[in-house]
Structures are given as C-alpha cells and as structure tokens.
PDBML (XML) file of the C-alpha atoms, coordinates in Angstrom:
<?xml version="1.0" encoding="UTF-8" ?>
<PDBx:datablock datablockName="MODEL"
   xmlns:PDBx="http://pdbml.pdb.org/schema/pdbx-v50.xsd"
   xmlns:xsi="http://www.w3.org/2001/XMLSchema-instance"
   xsi:schemaLocation="http://pdbml.pdb.org/schema/pdbx-v50.xsd pdbx-v50.xsd">
   <PDBx:atom_siteCategory>
      <PDBx:atom_site id="1">
         <PDBx:B_iso_or_equiv>0.00</PDBx:B_iso_or_equiv>
         <PDBx:Cartn_x>-0.082</PDBx:Cartn_x>
         <PDBx:Cartn_y>0.116</PDBx:Cartn_y>
         <PDBx:Cartn_z>-0.264</PDBx:Cartn_z>
         <PDBx:auth_asym_id>A</PDBx:auth_asym_id>
         <PDBx:auth_atom_id>CA</PDBx:auth_atom_id>
         <PDBx:auth_comp_id>LEU</PDBx:auth_comp_id>
         <PDBx:auth_seq_id>1</PDBx:auth_seq_id>
         <PDBx:group_PDB>ATOM</PDBx:group_PDB>
         <PDBx:label_alt_id xsi:nil="true" />
         <PDBx:label_asym_id>A</PDBx:label_asym_id>
         <PDBx:label_atom_id>CA</PDBx:label_atom_id>
         <PDBx:label_comp_id>LEU</PDBx:label_comp_id>
         <PDBx:label_entity_id>1</PDBx:label_entity_id>
         <PDBx:label_seq_id>1</PDBx:label_seq_id>
         <PDBx:occupancy>1.00</PDBx:occupancy>
         <PDBx:pdbx_PDB_model_num>1</PDBx:pdbx_PDB_model_num>
         <PDBx:type_symbol>C</PDBx:type_symbol>
      </PDBx:atom_site>
      <PDBx:atom_site id="2">
         <PDBx:B_iso_or_equiv>0.00</PDBx:B_iso_or_equiv>
         <PDBx:Cartn_x>2.977</PDBx:Cartn_x>
         <PDBx:Cartn_y>2.222</PDBx:Cartn_y>
         <PDBx:Cartn_z>0.445</PDBx:Cartn_z>
         <PDBx:auth_asym_id>A</PDBx:auth_asym_id>
         <PDBx:auth_atom_id>CA</PDBx:auth_atom_id>
         <PDBx:auth_comp_id>GLU</PDBx:auth_comp_id>
         <PDBx:auth_seq_id>2</PDBx:auth_seq_id>
         <PDBx:group_PDB>ATOM</PDBx:group_PDB>
         <PDBx:label_alt_id xsi:nil="true" />
         <PDBx:label_asym_id>A</PDBx:label_asym_id>
         <PDBx:label_atom_id>CA</PDBx:label_atom_id>
         <PDBx:label_comp_id>GLU</PDBx:label_comp_id>
         <PDBx:label_entity_id>1</PDBx:label_entity_id>
         <PDBx:label_seq_id>2</PDBx:label_seq_id>
         <PDBx:occupancy>1.00</PDBx:occupancy>
         <PDBx:pdbx_PDB_model_num>1</PDBx:pdbx_PDB_model_num>
         <PDBx:type_symbol>C</PDBx:type_symbol>
      </PDBx:atom_site>
      <PDBx:atom_site id="3">
         <PDBx:B_iso_or_equiv>0.00</PDBx:B_iso_or_equiv>
         <PDBx:Cartn_x>3.976</PDBx:Cartn_x>
         <PDBx:Cartn_y>1.732</PDBx:Cartn_y>
         <PDBx:Cartn_z>-2.854</PDBx:Cartn_z>
         <PDBx:auth_asym_id>A</PDBx:auth_asym_id>
         <PDBx:auth_atom_id>CA</PDBx:auth_atom_id>
         <PDBx:auth_comp_id>ASN</PDBx:auth_comp_id>
         <PDBx:auth_seq_id>3</PDBx:auth_seq_id>
         <PDBx:group_PDB>ATOM</PDBx:group_PDB>
         <PDBx:label_alt_id xsi:nil="true" />
         <PDBx:label_asym_id>A</PDBx:label_asym_id>
         <PDBx:label_atom_id>CA</PDBx:label_atom_id>
         <PDBx:label_comp_id>ASN</PDBx:label_comp_id>
         <PDBx:label_entity_id>1</PDBx:label_entity_id>
         <PDBx:label_seq_id>3</PDBx:label_seq_id>
         <PDBx:occupancy>1.00</PDBx:occupancy>
         <PDBx:pdbx_PDB_model_num>1</PDBx:pdbx_PDB_model_num>
         <PDBx:type_symbol>C</PDBx:type_symbol>
      </PDBx:atom_site>
      <PDBx:atom_site id="4">
         <PDBx:B_iso_or_equiv>0.00</PDBx:B_iso_or_equiv>
         <PDBx:Cartn_x>0.949</PDBx:Cartn_x>
         <PDBx:Cartn_y>2.734</PDBx:Cartn_y>
         <PDBx:Cartn_z>-4.721</PDBx:Cartn_z>
         <PDBx:auth_asym_id>A</PDBx:auth_asym_id>
         <PDBx:auth_atom_id>CA</PDBx:auth_atom_id>
         <PDBx:auth_comp_id>LEU</PDBx:auth_comp_id>
         <PDBx:auth_seq_id>4</PDBx:auth_seq_id>
         <PDBx:group_PDB>ATOM</PDBx:group_PDB>
         <PDBx:label_alt_id xsi:nil="true" />
         <PDBx:label_asym_id>A</PDBx:label_asym_id>
         <PDBx:label_atom_id>CA</PDBx:label_atom_id>
         <PDBx:label_comp_id>LEU</PDBx:label_comp_id>
         <PDBx:label_entity_id>1</PDBx:label_entity_id>
         <PDBx:label_seq_id>4</PDBx:label_seq_id>
         <PDBx:occupancy>1.00</PDBx:occupancy>
         <PDBx:pdbx_PDB_model_num>1</PDBx:pdbx_PDB_model_num>
         <PDBx:type_symbol>C</PDBx:type_symbol>
      </PDBx:atom_site>
      <PDBx:atom_site id="5">
         <PDBx:B_iso_or_equiv>0.00</PDBx:B_iso_or_equiv>
         <PDBx:Cartn_x>1.746</PDBx:Cartn_x>
         <PDBx:Cartn_y>5.714</PDBx:Cartn_y>
         <PDBx:Cartn_z>-6.871</PDBx:Cartn_z>
         <PDBx:auth_asym_id>A</PDBx:auth_asym_id>
         <PDBx:auth_atom_id>CA</PDBx:auth_atom_id>
         <PDBx:auth_comp_id>PRO</PDBx:auth_comp_id>
         <PDBx:auth_seq_id>5</PDBx:auth_seq_id>
         <PDBx:group_PDB>ATOM</PDBx:group_PDB>
         <PDBx:label_alt_id xsi:nil="true" />
         <PDBx:label_asym_id>A</PDBx:label_asym_id>
         <PDBx:label_atom_id>CA</PDBx:label_atom_id>
         <PDBx:label_comp_id>PRO</PDBx:label_comp_id>
         <PDBx:label_entity_id>1</PDBx:label_entity_id>
         <PDBx:label_seq_id>5</PDBx:label_seq_id>
         <PDBx:occupancy>1.00</PDBx:occupancy>
         <PDBx:pdbx_PDB_model_num>1</PDBx:pdbx_PDB_model_num>
         <PDBx:type_symbol>C</PDBx:type_symbol>
      </PDBx:atom_site>
      <PDBx:atom_site id="6">
         <PDBx:B_iso_or_equiv>0.00</PDBx:B_iso_or_equiv>
         <PDBx:Cartn_x>1.161</PDBx:Cartn_x>
         <PDBx:Cartn_y>9.475</PDBx:Cartn_y>
         <PDBx:Cartn_z>-5.372</PDBx:Cartn_z>
         <PDBx:auth_asym_id>A</PDBx:auth_asym_id>
         <PDBx:auth_atom_id>CA</PDBx:auth_atom_id>
         <PDBx:auth_comp_id>ALA</PDBx:auth_comp_id>
         <PDBx:auth_seq_id>6</PDBx:auth_seq_id>
         <PDBx:group_PDB>ATOM</PDBx:group_PDB>
         <PDBx:label_alt_id xsi:nil="true" />
         <PDBx:label_asym_id>A</PDBx:label_asym_id>
         <PDBx:label_atom_id>CA</PDBx:label_atom_id>
         <PDBx:label_comp_id>ALA</PDBx:label_comp_id>
         <PDBx:label_entity_id>1</PDBx:label_entity_id>
         <PDBx:label_seq_id>6</PDBx:label_seq_id>
         <PDBx:occupancy>1.00</PDBx:occupancy>
         <PDBx:pdbx_PDB_model_num>1</PDBx:pdbx_PDB_model_num>
         <PDBx:type_symbol>C</PDBx:type_symbol>
      </PDBx:atom_site>
      <PDBx:atom_site id="7">
         <PDBx:B_iso_or_equiv>0.00</PDBx:B_iso_or_equiv>
         <PDBx:Cartn_x>-1.283</PDBx:Cartn_x>
         <PDBx:Cartn_y>10.584</PDBx:Cartn_y>
         <PDBx:Cartn_z>-8.662</PDBx:Cartn_z>
         <PDBx:auth_asym_id>A</PDBx:auth_asym_id>
         <PDBx:auth_atom_id>CA</PDBx:auth_atom_id>
         <PDBx:auth_comp_id>ASN</PDBx:auth_comp_id>
         <PDBx:auth_seq_id>7</PDBx:auth_seq_id>
         <PDBx:group_PDB>ATOM</PDBx:group_PDB>
         <PDBx:label_alt_id xsi:nil="true" />
         <PDBx:label_asym_id>A</PDBx:label_asym_id>
         <PDBx:label_atom_id>CA</PDBx:label_atom_id>
         <PDBx:label_comp_id>ASN</PDBx:label_comp_id>
         <PDBx:label_entity_id>1</PDBx:label_entity_id>
         <PDBx:label_seq_id>7</PDBx:label_seq_id>
         <PDBx:occupancy>1.00</PDBx:occupancy>
         <PDBx:pdbx_PDB_model_num>1</PDBx:pdbx_PDB_model_num>
         <PDBx:type_symbol>C</PDBx:type_symbol>
      </PDBx:atom_site>
      <PDBx:atom_site id="8">
         <PDBx:B_iso_or_equiv>0.00</PDBx:B_iso_or_equiv>
         <PDBx:Cartn_x>-4.059</PDBx:Cartn_x>
         <PDBx:Cartn_y>8.502</PDBx:Cartn_y>
         <PDBx:Cartn_z>-7.881</PDBx:Cartn_z>
         <PDBx:auth_asym_id>A</PDBx:auth_asym_id>
         <PDBx:auth_atom_id>CA</PDBx:auth_atom_id>
         <PDBx:auth_comp_id>LEU</PDBx:auth_comp_id>
         <PDBx:auth_seq_id>8</PDBx:auth_seq_id>
         <PDBx:group_PDB>ATOM</PDBx:group_PDB>
         <PDBx:label_alt_id xsi:nil="true" />
         <PDBx:label_asym_id>A</PDBx:label_asym_id>
         <PDBx:label_atom_id>CA</PDBx:label_atom_id>
         <PDBx:label_comp_id>LEU</PDBx:label_comp_id>
         <PDBx:label_entity_id>1</PDBx:label_entity_id>
         <PDBx:label_seq_id>8</PDBx:label_seq_id>
         <PDBx:occupancy>1.00</PDBx:occupancy>
         <PDBx:pdbx_PDB_model_num>1</PDBx:pdbx_PDB_model_num>
         <PDBx:type_symbol>C</PDBx:type_symbol>
      </PDBx:atom_site>
      <PDBx:atom_site id="9">
         <PDBx:B_iso_or_equiv>0.00</PDBx:B_iso_or_equiv>
         <PDBx:Cartn_x>-7.328</PDBx:Cartn_x>
         <PDBx:Cartn_y>10.511</PDBx:Cartn_y>
         <PDBx:Cartn_z>-7.100</PDBx:Cartn_z>
         <PDBx:auth_asym_id>A</PDBx:auth_asym_id>
         <PDBx:auth_atom_id>CA</PDBx:auth_atom_id>
         <PDBx:auth_comp_id>PRO</PDBx:auth_comp_id>
         <PDBx:auth_seq_id>9</PDBx:auth_seq_id>
         <PDBx:group_PDB>ATOM</PDBx:group_PDB>
         <PDBx:label_alt_id xsi:nil="true" />
         <PDBx:label_asym_id>A</PDBx:label_asym_id>
         <PDBx:label_atom_id>CA</PDBx:label_atom_id>
         <PDBx:label_comp_id>PRO</PDBx:label_comp_id>
         <PDBx:label_entity_id>1</PDBx:label_entity_id>
         <PDBx:label_seq_id>9</PDBx:label_seq_id>
         <PDBx:occupancy>1.00</PDBx:occupancy>
         <PDBx:pdbx_PDB_model_num>1</PDBx:pdbx_PDB_model_num>
         <PDBx:type_symbol>C</PDBx:type_symbol>
      </PDBx:atom_site>
      <PDBx:atom_site id="10">
         <PDBx:B_iso_or_equiv>0.00</PDBx:B_iso_or_equiv>
         <PDBx:Cartn_x>-7.287</PDBx:Cartn_x>
         <PDBx:Cartn_y>12.251</PDBx:Cartn_y>
         <PDBx:Cartn_z>-2.804</PDBx:Cartn_z>
         <PDBx:auth_asym_id>A</PDBx:auth_asym_id>
         <PDBx:auth_atom_id>CA</PDBx:auth_atom_id>
         <PDBx:auth_comp_id>THR</PDBx:auth_comp_id>
         <PDBx:auth_seq_id>10</PDBx:auth_seq_id>
         <PDBx:group_PDB>ATOM</PDBx:group_PDB>
         <PDBx:label_alt_id xsi:nil="true" />
         <PDBx:label_asym_id>A</PDBx:label_asym_id>
         <PDBx:label_atom_id>CA</PDBx:label_atom_id>
         <PDBx:label_comp_id>THR</PDBx:label_comp_id>
         <PDBx:label_entity_id>1</PDBx:label_entity_id>
         <PDBx:label_seq_id>10</PDBx:label_seq_id>
         <PDBx:occupancy>1.00</PDBx:occupancy>
         <PDBx:pdbx_PDB_model_num>1</PDBx:pdbx_PDB_model_num>
         <PDBx:type_symbol>C</PDBx:type_symbol>
      </PDBx:atom_site>
      <PDBx:atom_site id="11">
         <PDBx:B_iso_or_equiv>0.00</PDBx:B_iso_or_equiv>
         <PDBx:Cartn_x>-9.876</PDBx:Cartn_x>
         <PDBx:Cartn_y>9.813</PDBx:Cartn_y>
         <PDBx:Cartn_z>-1.637</PDBx:Cartn_z>
         <PDBx:auth_asym_id>A</PDBx:auth_asym_id>
         <PDBx:auth_atom_id>CA</PDBx:auth_atom_id>
         <PDBx:auth_comp_id>GLU</PDBx:auth_comp_id>
         <PDBx:auth_seq_id>11</PDBx:auth_seq_id>
         <PDBx:group_PDB>ATOM</PDBx:group_PDB>
         <PDBx:label_alt_id xsi:nil="true" />
         <PDBx:label_asym_id>A</PDBx:label_asym_id>
         <PDBx:label_atom_id>CA</PDBx:label_atom_id>
         <PDBx:label_comp_id>GLU</PDBx:label_comp_id>
         <PDBx:label_entity_id>1</PDBx:label_entity_id>
         <PDBx:label_seq_id>11</PDBx:label_seq_id>
         <PDBx:occupancy>1.00</PDBx:occupancy>
         <PDBx:pdbx_PDB_model_num>1</PDBx:pdbx_PDB_model_num>
         <PDBx:type_symbol>C</PDBx:type_symbol>
      </PDBx:atom_site>
      <PDBx:atom_site id="12">
         <PDBx:B_iso_or_equiv>0.00</PDBx:B_iso_or_equiv>
         <PDBx:Cartn_x>-8.289</PDBx:Cartn_x>
         <PDBx:Cartn_y>6.990</PDBx:Cartn_y>
         <PDBx:Cartn_z>-2.591</PDBx:Cartn_z>
         <PDBx:auth_asym_id>A</PDBx:auth_asym_id>
         <PDBx:auth_atom_id>CA</PDBx:auth_atom_id>
         <PDBx:auth_comp_id>ILE</PDBx:auth_comp_id>
         <PDBx:auth_seq_id>12</PDBx:auth_seq_id>
         <PDBx:group_PDB>ATOM</PDBx:group_PDB>
         <PDBx:label_alt_id xsi:nil="true" />
         <PDBx:label_asym_id>A</PDBx:label_asym_id>
         <PDBx:label_atom_id>CA</PDBx:label_atom_id>
         <PDBx:label_comp_id>ILE</PDBx:label_comp_id>
         <PDBx:label_entity_id>1</PDBx:label_entity_id>
         <PDBx:label_seq_id>12</PDBx:label_seq_id>
         <PDBx:occupancy>1.00</PDBx:occupancy>
         <PDBx:pdbx_PDB_model_num>1</PDBx:pdbx_PDB_model_num>
         <PDBx:type_symbol>C</PDBx:type_symbol>
      </PDBx:atom_site>
      <PDBx:atom_site id="13">
         <PDBx:B_iso_or_equiv>0.00</PDBx:B_iso_or_equiv>
         <PDBx:Cartn_x>-4.727</PDBx:Cartn_x>
         <PDBx:Cartn_y>8.156</PDBx:Cartn_y>
         <PDBx:Cartn_z>-1.215</PDBx:Cartn_z>
         <PDBx:auth_asym_id>A</PDBx:auth_asym_id>
         <PDBx:auth_atom_id>CA</PDBx:auth_atom_id>
         <PDBx:auth_comp_id>LEU</PDBx:auth_comp_id>
         <PDBx:auth_seq_id>13</PDBx:auth_seq_id>
         <PDBx:group_PDB>ATOM</PDBx:group_PDB>
         <PDBx:label_alt_id xsi:nil="true" />
         <PDBx:label_asym_id>A</PDBx:label_asym_id>
         <PDBx:label_atom_id>CA</PDBx:label_atom_id>
         <PDBx:label_comp_id>LEU</PDBx:label_comp_id>
         <PDBx:label_entity_id>1</PDBx:label_entity_id>
         <PDBx:label_seq_id>13</PDBx:label_seq_id>
         <PDBx:occupancy>1.00</PDBx:occupancy>
         <PDBx:pdbx_PDB_model_num>1</PDBx:pdbx_PDB_model_num>
         <PDBx:type_symbol>C</PDBx:type_symbol>
      </PDBx:atom_site>
      <PDBx:atom_site id="14">
         <PDBx:B_iso_or_equiv>0.00</PDBx:B_iso_or_equiv>
         <PDBx:Cartn_x>-6.600</PDBx:Cartn_x>
         <PDBx:Cartn_y>8.857</PDBx:Cartn_y>
         <PDBx:Cartn_z>2.389</PDBx:Cartn_z>
         <PDBx:auth_asym_id>A</PDBx:auth_asym_id>
         <PDBx:auth_atom_id>CA</PDBx:auth_atom_id>
         <PDBx:auth_comp_id>GLN</PDBx:auth_comp_id>
         <PDBx:auth_seq_id>14</PDBx:auth_seq_id>
         <PDBx:group_PDB>ATOM</PDBx:group_PDB>
         <PDBx:label_alt_id xsi:nil="true" />
         <PDBx:label_asym_id>A</PDBx:label_asym_id>
         <PDBx:label_atom_id>CA</PDBx:label_atom_id>
         <PDBx:label_comp_id>GLN</PDBx:label_comp_id>
         <PDBx:label_entity_id>1</PDBx:label_entity_id>
         <PDBx:label_seq_id>14</PDBx:label_seq_id>
         <PDBx:occupancy>1.00</PDBx:occupancy>
         <PDBx:pdbx_PDB_model_num>1</PDBx:pdbx_PDB_model_num>
         <PDBx:type_symbol>C</PDBx:type_symbol>
      </PDBx:atom_site>
      <PDBx:atom_site id="15">
         <PDBx:B_iso_or_equiv>0.00</PDBx:B_iso_or_equiv>
         <PDBx:Cartn_x>-8.616</PDBx:Cartn_x>
         <PDBx:Cartn_y>5.499</PDBx:Cartn_y>
         <PDBx:Cartn_z>2.756</PDBx:Cartn_z>
         <PDBx:auth_asym_id>A</PDBx:auth_asym_id>
         <PDBx:auth_atom_id>CA</PDBx:auth_atom_id>
         <PDBx:auth_comp_id>PHE</PDBx:auth_comp_id>
         <PDBx:auth_seq_id>15</PDBx:auth_seq_id>
         <PDBx:group_PDB>ATOM</PDBx:group_PDB>
         <PDBx:label_alt_id xsi:nil="true" />
         <PDBx:label_asym_id>A</PDBx:label_asym_id>
         <PDBx:label_atom_id>CA</PDBx:label_atom_id>
         <PDBx:label_comp_id>PHE</PDBx:label_comp_id>
         <PDBx:label_entity_id>1</PDBx:label_entity_id>
         <PDBx:label_seq_id>15</PDBx:label_seq_id>
         <PDBx:occupancy>1.00</PDBx:occupancy>
         <PDBx:pdbx_PDB_model_num>1</PDBx:pdbx_PDB_model_num>
         <PDBx:type_symbol>C</PDBx:type_symbol>
      </PDBx:atom_site>
      <PDBx:atom_site id="16">
         <PDBx:B_iso_or_equiv>0.00</PDBx:B_iso_or_equiv>
         <PDBx:Cartn_x>-5.247</PDBx:Cartn_x>
         <PDBx:Cartn_y>4.109</PDBx:Cartn_y>
         <PDBx:Cartn_z>1.587</PDBx:Cartn_z>
         <PDBx:auth_asym_id>A</PDBx:auth_asym_id>
         <PDBx:auth_atom_id>CA</PDBx:auth_atom_id>
         <PDBx:auth_comp_id>ARG</PDBx:auth_comp_id>
         <PDBx:auth_seq_id>16</PDBx:auth_seq_id>
         <PDBx:group_PDB>ATOM</PDBx:group_PDB>
         <PDBx:label_alt_id xsi:nil="true" />
         <PDBx:label_asym_id>A</PDBx:label_asym_id>
         <PDBx:label_atom_id>CA</PDBx:label_atom_id>
         <PDBx:label_comp_id>ARG</PDBx:label_comp_id>
         <PDBx:label_entity_id>1</PDBx:label_entity_id>
         <PDBx:label_seq_id>16</PDBx:label_seq_id>
         <PDBx:occupancy>1.00</PDBx:occupancy>
         <PDBx:pdbx_PDB_model_num>1</PDBx:pdbx_PDB_model_num>
         <PDBx:type_symbol>C</PDBx:type_symbol>
      </PDBx:atom_site>
      <PDBx:atom_site id="17">
         <PDBx:B_iso_or_equiv>0.00</PDBx:B_iso_or_equiv>
         <PDBx:Cartn_x>-3.565</PDBx:Cartn_x>
         <PDBx:Cartn_y>6.299</PDBx:Cartn_y>
         <PDBx:Cartn_z>4.911</PDBx:Cartn_z>
         <PDBx:auth_asym_id>A</PDBx:auth_asym_id>
         <PDBx:auth_atom_id>CA</PDBx:auth_atom_id>
         <PDBx:auth_comp_id>ASP</PDBx:auth_comp_id>
         <PDBx:auth_seq_id>17</PDBx:auth_seq_id>
         <PDBx:group_PDB>ATOM</PDBx:group_PDB>
         <PDBx:label_alt_id xsi:nil="true" />
         <PDBx:label_asym_id>A</PDBx:label_asym_id>
         <PDBx:label_atom_id>CA</PDBx:label_atom_id>
         <PDBx:label_comp_id>ASP</PDBx:label_comp_id>
         <PDBx:label_entity_id>1</PDBx:label_entity_id>
         <PDBx:label_seq_id>17</PDBx:label_seq_id>
         <PDBx:occupancy>1.00</PDBx:occupancy>
         <PDBx:pdbx_PDB_model_num>1</PDBx:pdbx_PDB_model_num>
         <PDBx:type_symbol>C</PDBx:type_symbol>
      </PDBx:atom_site>
      <PDBx:atom_site id="18">
         <PDBx:B_iso_or_equiv>0.00</PDBx:B_iso_or_equiv>
         <PDBx:Cartn_x>-6.632</PDBx:Cartn_x>
         <PDBx:Cartn_y>5.177</PDBx:Cartn_y>
         <PDBx:Cartn_z>6.964</PDBx:Cartn_z>
         <PDBx:auth_asym_id>A</PDBx:auth_asym_id>
         <PDBx:auth_atom_id>CA</PDBx:auth_atom_id>
         <PDBx:auth_comp_id>GLU</PDBx:auth_comp_id>
         <PDBx:auth_seq_id>18</PDBx:auth_seq_id>
         <PDBx:group_PDB>ATOM</PDBx:group_PDB>
         <PDBx:label_alt_id xsi:nil="true" />
         <PDBx:label_asym_id>A</PDBx:label_asym_id>
         <PDBx:label_atom_id>CA</PDBx:label_atom_id>
         <PDBx:label_comp_id>GLU</PDBx:label_comp_id>
         <PDBx:label_entity_id>1</PDBx:label_entity_id>
         <PDBx:label_seq_id>18</PDBx:label_seq_id>
         <PDBx:occupancy>1.00</PDBx:occupancy>
         <PDBx:pdbx_PDB_model_num>1</PDBx:pdbx_PDB_model_num>
         <PDBx:type_symbol>C</PDBx:type_symbol>
      </PDBx:atom_site>
      <PDBx:atom_site id="19">
         <PDBx:B_iso_or_equiv>0.00</PDBx:B_iso_or_equiv>
         <PDBx:Cartn_x>-5.745</PDBx:Cartn_x>
         <PDBx:Cartn_y>1.558</PDBx:Cartn_y>
         <PDBx:Cartn_z>6.147</PDBx:Cartn_z>
         <PDBx:auth_asym_id>A</PDBx:auth_asym_id>
         <PDBx:auth_atom_id>CA</PDBx:auth_atom_id>
         <PDBx:auth_comp_id>VAL</PDBx:auth_comp_id>
         <PDBx:auth_seq_id>19</PDBx:auth_seq_id>
         <PDBx:group_PDB>ATOM</PDBx:group_PDB>
         <PDBx:label_alt_id xsi:nil="true" />
         <PDBx:label_asym_id>A</PDBx:label_asym_id>
         <PDBx:label_atom_id>CA</PDBx:label_atom_id>
         <PDBx:label_comp_id>VAL</PDBx:label_comp_id>
         <PDBx:label_entity_id>1</PDBx:label_entity_id>
         <PDBx:label_seq_id>19</PDBx:label_seq_id>
         <PDBx:occupancy>1.00</PDBx:occupancy>
         <PDBx:pdbx_PDB_model_num>1</PDBx:pdbx_PDB_model_num>
         <PDBx:type_symbol>C</PDBx:type_symbol>
      </PDBx:atom_site>
      <PDBx:atom_site id="20">
         <PDBx:B_iso_or_equiv>0.00</PDBx:B_iso_or_equiv>
         <PDBx:Cartn_x>-2.216</PDBx:Cartn_x>
         <PDBx:Cartn_y>1.782</PDBx:Cartn_y>
         <PDBx:Cartn_z>6.451</PDBx:Cartn_z>
         <PDBx:auth_asym_id>A</PDBx:auth_asym_id>
         <PDBx:auth_atom_id>CA</PDBx:auth_atom_id>
         <PDBx:auth_comp_id>ILE</PDBx:auth_comp_id>
         <PDBx:auth_seq_id>20</PDBx:auth_seq_id>
         <PDBx:group_PDB>ATOM</PDBx:group_PDB>
         <PDBx:label_alt_id xsi:nil="true" />
         <PDBx:label_asym_id>A</PDBx:label_asym_id>
         <PDBx:label_atom_id>CA</PDBx:label_atom_id>
         <PDBx:label_comp_id>ILE</PDBx:label_comp_id>
         <PDBx:label_entity_id>1</PDBx:label_entity_id>
         <PDBx:label_seq_id>20</PDBx:label_seq_id>
         <PDBx:occupancy>1.00</PDBx:occupancy>
         <PDBx:pdbx_PDB_model_num>1</PDBx:pdbx_PDB_model_num>
         <PDBx:type_symbol>C</PDBx:type_symbol>
      </PDBx:atom_site>
      <PDBx:atom_site id="21">
         <PDBx:B_iso_or_equiv>0.00</PDBx:B_iso_or_equiv>
         <PDBx:Cartn_x>-2.596</PDBx:Cartn_x>
         <PDBx:Cartn_y>3.481</PDBx:Cartn_y>
         <PDBx:Cartn_z>9.731</PDBx:Cartn_z>
         <PDBx:auth_asym_id>A</PDBx:auth_asym_id>
         <PDBx:auth_atom_id>CA</PDBx:auth_atom_id>
         <PDBx:auth_comp_id>GLU</PDBx:auth_comp_id>
         <PDBx:auth_seq_id>21</PDBx:auth_seq_id>
         <PDBx:group_PDB>ATOM</PDBx:group_PDB>
         <PDBx:label_alt_id xsi:nil="true" />
         <PDBx:label_asym_id>A</PDBx:label_asym_id>
         <PDBx:label_atom_id>CA</PDBx:label_atom_id>
         <PDBx:label_comp_id>GLU</PDBx:label_comp_id>
         <PDBx:label_entity_id>1</PDBx:label_entity_id>
         <PDBx:label_seq_id>21</PDBx:label_seq_id>
         <PDBx:occupancy>1.00</PDBx:occupancy>
         <PDBx:pdbx_PDB_model_num>1</PDBx:pdbx_PDB_model_num>
         <PDBx:type_symbol>C</PDBx:type_symbol>
      </PDBx:atom_site>
      <PDBx:atom_site id="22">
         <PDBx:B_iso_or_equiv>0.00</PDBx:B_iso_or_equiv>
         <PDBx:Cartn_x>-4.656</PDBx:Cartn_x>
         <PDBx:Cartn_y>0.866</PDBx:Cartn_y>
         <PDBx:Cartn_z>10.814</PDBx:Cartn_z>
         <PDBx:auth_asym_id>A</PDBx:auth_asym_id>
         <PDBx:auth_atom_id>CA</PDBx:auth_atom_id>
         <PDBx:auth_comp_id>GLN</PDBx:auth_comp_id>
         <PDBx:auth_seq_id>22</PDBx:auth_seq_id>
         <PDBx:group_PDB>ATOM</PDBx:group_PDB>
         <PDBx:label_alt_id xsi:nil="true" />
         <PDBx:label_asym_id>A</PDBx:label_asym_id>
         <PDBx:label_atom_id>CA</PDBx:label_atom_id>
         <PDBx:label_comp_id>GLN</PDBx:label_comp_id>
         <PDBx:label_entity_id>1</PDBx:label_entity_id>
         <PDBx:label_seq_id>22</PDBx:label_seq_id>
         <PDBx:occupancy>1.00</PDBx:occupancy>
         <PDBx:pdbx_PDB_model_num>1</PDBx:pdbx_PDB_model_num>
         <PDBx:type_symbol>C</PDBx:type_symbol>
      </PDBx:atom_site>
      <PDBx:atom_site id="23">
         <PDBx:B_iso_or_equiv>0.00</PDBx:B_iso_or_equiv>
         <PDBx:Cartn_x>-2.026</PDBx:Cartn_x>
         <PDBx:Cartn_y>-1.700</PDBx:Cartn_y>
         <PDBx:Cartn_z>10.001</PDBx:Cartn_z>
         <PDBx:auth_asym_id>A</PDBx:auth_asym_id>
         <PDBx:auth_atom_id>CA</PDBx:auth_atom_id>
         <PDBx:auth_comp_id>LEU</PDBx:auth_comp_id>
         <PDBx:auth_seq_id>23</PDBx:auth_seq_id>
         <PDBx:group_PDB>ATOM</PDBx:group_PDB>
         <PDBx:label_alt_id xsi:nil="true" />
         <PDBx:label_asym_id>A</PDBx:label_asym_id>
         <PDBx:label_atom_id>CA</PDBx:label_atom_id>
         <PDBx:label_comp_id>LEU</PDBx:label_comp_id>
         <PDBx:label_entity_id>1</PDBx:label_entity_id>
         <PDBx:label_seq_id>23</PDBx:label_seq_id>
         <PDBx:occupancy>1.00</PDBx:occupancy>
         <PDBx:pdbx_PDB_model_num>1</PDBx:pdbx_PDB_model_num>
         <PDBx:type_symbol>C</PDBx:type_symbol>
      </PDBx:atom_site>
      <PDBx:atom_site id="24">
         <PDBx:B_iso_or_equiv>0.00</PDBx:B_iso_or_equiv>
         <PDBx:Cartn_x>0.767</PDBx:Cartn_x>
         <PDBx:Cartn_y>-0.047</PDBx:Cartn_y>
         <PDBx:Cartn_z>11.744</PDBx:Cartn_z>
         <PDBx:auth_asym_id>A</PDBx:auth_asym_id>
         <PDBx:auth_atom_id>CA</PDBx:auth_atom_id>
         <PDBx:auth_comp_id>ASN</PDBx:auth_comp_id>
         <PDBx:auth_seq_id>24</PDBx:auth_seq_id>
         <PDBx:group_PDB>ATOM</PDBx:group_PDB>
         <PDBx:label_alt_id xsi:nil="true" />
         <PDBx:label_asym_id>A</PDBx:label_asym_id>
         <PDBx:label_atom_id>CA</PDBx:label_atom_id>
         <PDBx:label_comp_id>ASN</PDBx:label_comp_id>
         <PDBx:label_entity_id>1</PDBx:label_entity_id>
         <PDBx:label_seq_id>24</PDBx:label_seq_id>
         <PDBx:occupancy>1.00</PDBx:occupancy>
         <PDBx:pdbx_PDB_model_num>1</PDBx:pdbx_PDB_model_num>
         <PDBx:type_symbol>C</PDBx:type_symbol>
      </PDBx:atom_site>
   </PDBx:atom_siteCategory>
</PDBx:datablock>
C-alpha cells in the first residue's frame, strides 16, 4: 500500500492512509 503511486485521487490516498494507520 505504501508503494501505490502518489498521483491517485485524494480520496483513494486518504483511504489508503487510514488502512496503513490501522496496519501500523
């Protein structure tokens, strides 16, 4: 998930960050 491209829509990136935070 950290390796996903950074030029995705902000909604997807924010949701990805939520999942990463839970995974941490």
